[in-house]
């Protein structure tokens, strides 16, 4: 890919934040902090923008990419069906370290879900990320801000070390807590299945679902 100038700027500056939103609306990929690691994201309803995520990361095609939401209200925009279990879990743990696997609606670009029929979704517990999504008016297709196979970055300088020249903007929100993964629960099946144990303990998931969960 052609190299470009990569700026590292603070999202607390209102002009910088507005610039970030303009880039996303123009189909560009930017990097930003989340409650786990730094991520890169693009407009989740723009197929060409999602394609650029694969280019920026040098990521193999055919790997699904999750959505980040601003709030639980976004769930109905991309899920074909929202089960009672999904609603209970989202209400209990969003924003936070819970990823739900839900049936994808026809609105979800096929490239995002690798031609499958489910999509992974989360509301991050980070105000910058949620503000970007809210102002953009669309979920972010987002993944970790590293080259494929590289170290997950915990700060903006670690993003720059891997992705300098590959994207126009890195929003520097300070250090994140590092690579603590979210807990992934598949709510497309009954009972729901825990696909990955992460920051939210299994016991907490079971408590919300009254024990109706598989591992």
C-alpha atoms as a PDB file:
ATOM      1  CA  UNK A   1       0.000   0.000   0.000  1.00  0.00           C
ATOM      2  CA  UNK A   2       1.062   3.618  -0.538  1.00  0.00           C
ATOM      3  CA  UNK A   3       2.600   5.268   2.522  1.00  0.00           C
ATOM      4  CA  UNK A   4       0.839   8.269   4.004  1.00  0.00           C
ATOM      5  CA  UNK A   5       1.506  10.718   6.799  1.00  0.00           C
ATOM      6  CA  UNK A   6       0.274   9.365  10.127  1.00  0.00           C
ATOM      7  CA  UNK A   7      -0.632  11.965  12.743  1.00  0.00           C
ATOM      8  CA  UNK A   8      -0.797  11.203  16.470  1.00  0.00           C
ATOM      9  CA  UNK A   9      -3.196  13.662  18.087  1.00  0.00           C
ATOM     10  CA  UNK A  10      -5.284  14.006  21.231  1.00  0.00           C
ATOM     11  CA  UNK A  11      -9.032  13.375  20.916  1.00  0.00           C
ATOM     12  CA  UNK A  12      -9.630  15.863  23.733  1.00  0.00           C
ATOM     13  CA  UNK A  13      -9.058  18.594  21.143  1.00  0.00           C
ATOM     14  CA  UNK A  14     -12.468  19.229  19.568  1.00  0.00           C
ATOM     15  CA  UNK A  15     -10.947  19.946  16.136  1.00  0.00           C
ATOM     16  CA  UNK A  16      -9.032  16.674  16.231  1.00  0.00           C
ATOM     17  CA  UNK A  17     -12.172  14.762  17.191  1.00  0.00           C
ATOM     18  CA  UNK A  18     -14.121  16.397  14.356  1.00  0.00           C
ATOM     19  CA  UNK A  19     -11.286  15.516  11.962  1.00  0.00           C
ATOM     20  CA  UNK A  20     -11.459  11.884  13.105  1.00  0.00           C
ATOM     21  CA  UNK A  21     -15.176  11.731  12.362  1.00  0.00           C
ATOM     22  CA  UNK A  22     -14.647  13.294   8.932  1.00  0.00           C
ATOM     23  CA  UNK A  23     -12.039  10.662   8.110  1.00  0.00           C
ATOM     24  CA  UNK A  24     -14.409   7.853   9.137  1.00  0.00           C
ATOM     25  CA  UNK A  25     -17.216   9.344   7.051  1.00  0.00           C
ATOM     26  CA  UNK A  26     -14.827   9.492   4.093  1.00  0.00           C
ATOM     27  CA  UNK A  27     -14.174   5.745   4.363  1.00  0.00           C
ATOM     28  CA  UNK A  28     -10.781   6.014   6.072  1.00  0.00           C
ATOM     29  CA  UNK A  29      -9.343   3.842   8.846  1.00  0.00           C
ATOM     30  CA  UNK A  30      -8.180   5.452  12.102  1.00  0.00           C
ATOM     31  CA  UNK A  31      -6.757   4.175  15.397  1.00  0.00           C
ATOM     32  CA  UNK A  32      -8.181   4.914  18.836  1.00  0.00           C
ATOM     33  CA  UNK A  33      -8.029   3.733  22.460  1.00  0.00           C
ATOM     34  CA  UNK A  34     -10.540   1.285  23.886  1.00  0.00           C
ATOM     35  CA  UNK A  35     -11.031  -0.219  27.336  1.00  0.00           C
ATOM     36  CA  UNK A  36      -8.761  -3.143  26.381  1.00  0.00           C
ATOM     37  CA  UNK A  37      -6.140  -2.256  23.753  1.00  0.00           C
ATOM     38  CA  UNK A  38      -5.841   0.276  20.943  1.00  0.00           C
ATOM     39  CA  UNK A  39      -8.018  -0.518  17.965  1.00  0.00           C
ATOM     40  CA  UNK A  40      -8.359   0.487  14.358  1.00  0.00           C
ATOM     41  CA  UNK A  41     -11.783   1.027  12.940  1.00  0.00           C
ATOM     42  CA  UNK A  42     -13.838   2.063   9.953  1.00  0.00           C
ATOM     43  CA  UNK A  43     -17.464   2.845   9.224  1.00  0.00           C
ATOM     44  CA  UNK A  44     -19.167  -0.490   9.826  1.00  0.00           C
ATOM     45  CA  UNK A  45     -21.733   0.011   7.072  1.00  0.00           C
ATOM     46  CA  UNK A  46     -19.170   0.988   4.400  1.00  0.00           C
ATOM     47  CA  UNK A  47     -17.867  -2.117   2.622  1.00  0.00           C
ATOM     48  CA  UNK A  48     -14.945  -0.310   0.988  1.00  0.00           C
ATOM     49  CA  UNK A  49     -13.890   1.132   4.330  1.00  0.00           C
ATOM     50  CA  UNK A  50     -13.995  -2.345   5.895  1.00  0.00           C
ATOM     51  CA  UNK A  51     -11.801  -3.616   3.047  1.00  0.00           C
ATOM     52  CA  UNK A  52      -9.217  -1.022   4.088  1.00  0.00           C
ATOM     53  CA  UNK A  53      -9.024  -2.582   7.559  1.00  0.00           C
ATOM     54  CA  UNK A  54      -7.617  -5.715   5.955  1.00  0.00           C
ATOM     55  CA  UNK A  55      -5.132  -3.640   3.960  1.00  0.00           C
ATOM     56  CA  UNK A  56      -3.942  -1.582   6.949  1.00  0.00           C
ATOM     57  CA  UNK A  57      -3.406  -4.679   9.109  1.00  0.00           C
ATOM     58  CA  UNK A  58      -2.122  -6.862   6.273  1.00  0.00           C
ATOM     59  CA  UNK A  59      -4.846  -9.197   7.526  1.00  0.00           C
ATOM     60  CA  UNK A  60      -5.889 -12.368   5.763  1.00  0.00           C
ATOM     61  CA  UNK A  61      -9.256 -12.073   4.047  1.00  0.00           C
ATOM     62  CA  UNK A  62     -11.944 -14.394   5.319  1.00  0.00           C
ATOM     63  CA  UNK A  63     -11.508 -13.472   8.991  1.00  0.00           C
ATOM     64  CA  UNK A  64     -14.579 -11.865  10.511  1.00  0.00           C
ATOM     65  CA  UNK A  65     -14.334  -8.441  12.161  1.00  0.00           C
ATOM     66  CA  UNK A  66     -16.421  -7.390  15.186  1.00  0.00           C
ATOM     67  CA  UNK A  67     -18.593  -4.338  15.633  1.00  0.00           C
ATOM     68  CA  UNK A  68     -18.221  -1.747  18.382  1.00  0.00           C
ATOM     69  CA  UNK A  69     -21.397   0.084  19.434  1.00  0.00           C
ATOM     70  CA  UNK A  70     -22.085   3.318  21.286  1.00  0.00           C
ATOM     71  CA  UNK A  71     -24.931   1.793  23.305  1.00  0.00           C
ATOM     72  CA  UNK A  72     -27.221  -1.196  23.662  1.00  0.00           C
ATOM     73  CA  UNK A  73     -29.672   0.567  21.332  1.00  0.00           C
ATOM     74  CA  UNK A  74     -27.352  -0.178  18.386  1.00  0.00           C
ATOM     75  CA  UNK A  75     -27.879  -3.908  18.775  1.00  0.00           C
ATOM     76  CA  UNK A  76     -31.162  -3.928  16.879  1.00  0.00           C
ATOM     77  CA  UNK A  77     -29.487  -2.225  13.905  1.00  0.00           C
ATOM     78  CA  UNK A  78     -27.273  -5.199  13.049  1.00  0.00           C
ATOM     79  CA  UNK A  79     -28.895  -8.228  14.694  1.00  0.00           C
ATOM     80  CA  UNK A  80     -31.529 -10.233  12.843  1.00  0.00           C
ATOM     81  CA  UNK A  81     -32.935 -11.332  16.176  1.00  0.00           C
ATOM     82  CA  UNK A  82     -32.191 -10.155  19.711  1.00  0.00           C
ATOM     83  CA  UNK A  83     -32.909 -12.923  22.203  1.00  0.00           C
ATOM     84  CA  UNK A  84     -33.928 -12.419  25.800  1.00  0.00           C
ATOM     85  CA  UNK A  85     -30.538 -13.776  26.881  1.00  0.00           C
ATOM     86  CA  UNK A  86     -28.754 -11.219  24.695  1.00  0.00           C
ATOM     87  CA  UNK A  87     -30.779  -8.394  26.205  1.00  0.00           C
ATOM     88  CA  UNK A  88     -30.097  -9.526  29.777  1.00  0.00           C
ATOM     89  CA  UNK A  89     -26.360  -9.873  29.194  1.00  0.00           C
ATOM     90  CA  UNK A  90     -26.082  -6.557  27.380  1.00  0.00           C
ATOM     91  CA  UNK A  91     -28.002  -4.764  30.118  1.00  0.00           C
ATOM     92  CA  UNK A  92     -25.746  -6.285  32.771  1.00  0.00           C
ATOM     93  CA  UNK A  93     -22.307  -5.836  31.192  1.00  0.00           C
ATOM     94  CA  UNK A  94     -22.393  -3.046  28.593  1.00  0.00           C
ATOM     95  CA  UNK A  95     -20.418  -0.909  28.380  1.00  0.00           C
ATOM     96  CA  UNK A  96     -17.668  -3.348  29.262  1.00  0.00           C
ATOM     97  CA  UNK A  97     -15.781  -6.503  28.475  1.00  0.00           C
ATOM     98  CA  UNK A  98     -18.579  -8.631  27.020  1.00  0.00           C
ATOM     99  CA  UNK A  99     -18.765  -9.603  23.355  1.00  0.00           C
ATOM    100  CA  UNK A 100     -22.002 -11.138  22.109  1.00  0.00           C
ATOM    101  CA  UNK A 101     -22.292 -13.284  18.994  1.00  0.00           C
ATOM    102  CA  UNK A 102     -25.695 -12.535  17.448  1.00  0.00           C
ATOM    103  CA  UNK A 103     -27.488 -13.414  14.185  1.00  0.00           C
ATOM    104  CA  UNK A 104     -26.418 -10.868  11.559  1.00  0.00           C
ATOM    105  CA  UNK A 105     -29.060  -8.844   9.743  1.00  0.00           C
ATOM    106  CA  UNK A 106     -29.010  -8.294   5.981  1.00  0.00           C
ATOM    107  CA  UNK A 107     -27.578  -4.807   6.614  1.00  0.00           C
ATOM    108  CA  UNK A 108     -24.236  -6.217   7.799  1.00  0.00           C
ATOM    109  CA  UNK A 109     -21.693  -6.270   4.937  1.00  0.00           C
ATOM    110  CA  UNK A 110     -20.669  -9.823   4.024  1.00  0.00           C
ATOM    111  CA  UNK A 111     -16.977  -8.901   4.129  1.00  0.00           C
ATOM    112  CA  UNK A 112     -17.318  -8.112   7.845  1.00  0.00           C
ATOM    113  CA  UNK A 113     -18.742 -11.524   8.737  1.00  0.00           C
ATOM    114  CA  UNK A 114     -16.658 -13.539   6.239  1.00  0.00           C
ATOM    115  CA  UNK A 115     -19.854 -14.591   4.428  1.00  0.00           C
ATOM    116  CA  UNK A 116     -21.192 -16.134   7.628  1.00  0.00           C
ATOM    117  CA  UNK A 117     -24.501 -15.406   9.343  1.00  0.00           C
ATOM    118  CA  UNK A 118     -23.394 -14.157  12.767  1.00  0.00           C
ATOM    119  CA  UNK A 119     -21.633 -11.020  13.974  1.00  0.00           C
ATOM    120  CA  UNK A 120     -19.698 -10.275  17.172  1.00  0.00           C
ATOM    121  CA  UNK A 121     -20.709  -7.047  18.939  1.00  0.00           C
ATOM    122  CA  UNK A 122     -19.578  -5.064  21.978  1.00  0.00           C
ATOM    123  CA  UNK A 123     -20.027  -1.689  23.675  1.00  0.00           C
ATOM    124  CA  UNK A 124     -16.571  -0.622  24.900  1.00  0.00           C
ATOM    125  CA  UNK A 125     -16.192   1.100  28.249  1.00  0.00           C
ATOM    126  CA  UNK A 126     -14.269   4.018  26.789  1.00  0.00           C
ATOM    127  CA  UNK A 127     -15.816   7.468  26.254  1.00  0.00           C
ATOM    128  CA  UNK A 128     -13.714   8.391  23.197  1.00  0.00           C
ATOM    129  CA  UNK A 129     -14.671   5.258  21.285  1.00  0.00           C
ATOM    130  CA  UNK A 130     -18.357   5.552  22.103  1.00  0.00           C
ATOM    131  CA  UNK A 131     -18.395   9.248  21.213  1.00  0.00           C
ATOM    132  CA  UNK A 132     -16.859   8.491  17.809  1.00  0.00           C
ATOM    133  CA  UNK A 133     -19.544   5.891  17.101  1.00  0.00           C
ATOM    134  CA  UNK A 134     -22.359   8.132  18.302  1.00  0.00           C
ATOM    135  CA  UNK A 135     -21.306  11.114  16.172  1.00  0.00           C
ATOM    136  CA  UNK A 136     -20.514   8.917  13.161  1.00  0.00           C
ATOM    137  CA  UNK A 137     -24.005   7.456  13.356  1.00  0.00           C
ATOM    138  CA  UNK A 138     -22.809   3.932  12.547  1.00  0.00           C
ATOM    139  CA  UNK A 139     -21.064   1.126  14.413  1.00  0.00           C
ATOM    140  CA  UNK A 140     -17.331   0.798  14.003  1.00  0.00           C
ATOM    141  CA  UNK A 141     -15.919  -2.269  12.325  1.00  0.00           C
ATOM    142  CA  UNK A 142     -12.935  -2.601  14.623  1.00  0.00           C
ATOM    143  CA  UNK A 143      -9.982  -4.803  15.400  1.00  0.00           C
ATOM    144  CA  UNK A 144      -6.695  -4.443  17.266  1.00  0.00           C
ATOM    145  CA  UNK A 145      -4.347  -1.735  15.985  1.00  0.00           C
ATOM    146  CA  UNK A 146      -1.454  -3.966  14.988  1.00  0.00           C
ATOM    147  CA  UNK A 147      -0.060  -5.644  11.934  1.00  0.00           C
ATOM    148  CA  UNK A 148      -1.528  -9.129  11.606  1.00  0.00           C
ATOM    149  CA  UNK A 149       0.333 -11.373  14.044  1.00  0.00           C
ATOM    150  CA  UNK A 150       1.937  -8.415  15.834  1.00  0.00           C
ATOM    151  CA  UNK A 151       1.715  -7.368  19.457  1.00  0.00           C
ATOM    152  CA  UNK A 152      -1.551  -5.784  20.572  1.00  0.00           C
ATOM    153  CA  UNK A 153      -0.712  -2.132  21.331  1.00  0.00           C
ATOM    154  CA  UNK A 154      -1.444  -0.625  24.733  1.00  0.00           C
ATOM    155  CA  UNK A 155      -0.599   2.974  23.789  1.00  0.00           C
ATOM    156  CA  UNK A 156      -0.448   5.267  20.769  1.00  0.00           C
ATOM    157  CA  UNK A 157       3.314   4.957  20.298  1.00  0.00           C
ATOM    158  CA  UNK A 158       3.028   1.180  20.036  1.00  0.00           C
ATOM    159  CA  UNK A 159       0.394   1.680  17.331  1.00  0.00           C
ATOM    160  CA  UNK A 160       2.698   4.090  15.490  1.00  0.00           C
ATOM    161  CA  UNK A 161       5.584   1.621  15.655  1.00  0.00           C
ATOM    162  CA  UNK A 162       3.547  -0.914  13.660  1.00  0.00           C
ATOM    163  CA  UNK A 163       1.201   1.175  11.527  1.00  0.00           C
ATOM    164  CA  UNK A 164       3.126   4.364  10.745  1.00  0.00           C
ATOM    165  CA  UNK A 165       2.387   5.346   7.147  1.00  0.00           C
ATOM    166  CA  UNK A 166      -0.551   2.932   6.851  1.00  0.00           C
ATOM    167  CA  UNK A 167      -3.348   5.140   8.236  1.00  0.00           C
ATOM    168  CA  UNK A 168      -3.889   8.904   8.576  1.00  0.00           C
ATOM    169  CA  UNK A 169      -4.661   9.319  12.287  1.00  0.00           C
ATOM    170  CA  UNK A 170      -3.997   7.776  15.672  1.00  0.00           C
ATOM    171  CA  UNK A 171      -6.049   9.231  18.521  1.00  0.00           C
ATOM    172  CA  UNK A 172      -3.778   9.301  21.560  1.00  0.00           C
ATOM    173  CA  UNK A 173      -5.908   8.689  24.628  1.00  0.00           C
ATOM    174  CA  UNK A 174      -3.057   7.565  26.871  1.00  0.00           C
ATOM    175  CA  UNK A 175      -2.240   4.058  28.002  1.00  0.00           C
ATOM    176  CA  UNK A 176      -4.867   1.319  28.040  1.00  0.00           C
ATOM    177  CA  UNK A 177      -4.902  -1.583  30.460  1.00  0.00           C
ATOM    178  CA  UNK A 178      -3.381  -3.911  27.882  1.00  0.00           C
ATOM    179  CA  UNK A 179      -4.394  -7.198  26.366  1.00  0.00           C
ATOM    180  CA  UNK A 180      -7.199  -8.347  28.627  1.00  0.00           C
ATOM    181  CA  UNK A 181      -9.708  -9.973  26.258  1.00  0.00           C
ATOM    182  CA  UNK A 182     -13.445  -9.664  26.478  1.00  0.00           C
ATOM    183  CA  UNK A 183     -15.567 -12.648  27.409  1.00  0.00           C
ATOM    184  CA  UNK A 184     -17.374 -13.952  24.313  1.00  0.00           C
ATOM    185  CA  UNK A 185     -20.866 -15.429  24.621  1.00  0.00           C
ATOM    186  CA  UNK A 186     -22.715 -16.931  21.659  1.00  0.00           C
ATOM    187  CA  UNK A 187     -26.402 -16.116  22.026  1.00  0.00           C
ATOM    188  CA  UNK A 188     -27.402 -17.572  18.644  1.00  0.00           C
ATOM    189  CA  UNK A 189     -27.913 -20.923  20.384  1.00  0.00           C
ATOM    190  CA  UNK A 190     -30.012 -22.035  23.345  1.00  0.00           C
ATOM    191  CA  UNK A 191     -28.668 -22.217  25.945  1.00  0.00           C
ATOM    192  CA  UNK A 192     -25.963 -19.613  25.202  1.00  0.00           C
ATOM    193  CA  UNK A 193     -22.372 -20.868  24.902  1.00  0.00           C
ATOM    194  CA  UNK A 194     -19.259 -19.174  26.257  1.00  0.00           C
ATOM    195  CA  UNK A 195     -16.805 -19.119  23.342  1.00  0.00           C
ATOM    196  CA  UNK A 196     -13.973 -17.386  25.208  1.00  0.00           C
ATOM    197  CA  UNK A 197     -13.416 -16.738  28.899  1.00  0.00           C
ATOM    198  CA  UNK A 198     -12.083 -13.229  29.402  1.00  0.00           C
ATOM    199  CA  UNK A 199     -12.361 -10.324  31.789  1.00  0.00           C
ATOM    200  CA  UNK A 200     -15.913 -11.213  32.890  1.00  0.00           C
ATOM    201  CA  UNK A 201     -15.887 -14.444  34.941  1.00  0.00           C
ATOM    202  CA  UNK A 202     -18.064 -17.380  33.931  1.00  0.00           C
ATOM    203  CA  UNK A 203     -19.847 -17.177  37.276  1.00  0.00           C
ATOM    204  CA  UNK A 204     -21.038 -13.649  36.481  1.00  0.00           C
ATOM    205  CA  UNK A 205     -22.426 -14.768  33.121  1.00  0.00           C
ATOM    206  CA  UNK A 206     -24.163 -17.710  34.778  1.00  0.00           C
ATOM    207  CA  UNK A 207     -25.622 -15.452  37.453  1.00  0.00           C
ATOM    208  CA  UNK A 208     -27.270 -13.188  34.863  1.00  0.00           C
ATOM    209  CA  UNK A 209     -28.560 -16.161  32.876  1.00  0.00           C
ATOM    210  CA  UNK A 210     -29.566 -18.083  35.987  1.00  0.00           C
ATOM    211  CA  UNK A 211     -27.150 -20.875  35.211  1.00  0.00           C
ATOM    212  CA  UNK A 212     -28.441 -21.446  31.663  1.00  0.00           C
ATOM    213  CA  UNK A 213     -25.082 -21.389  29.878  1.00  0.00           C
ATOM    214  CA  UNK A 214     -22.614 -23.836  28.346  1.00  0.00           C
ATOM    215  CA  UNK A 215     -18.827 -23.667  28.073  1.00  0.00           C
END
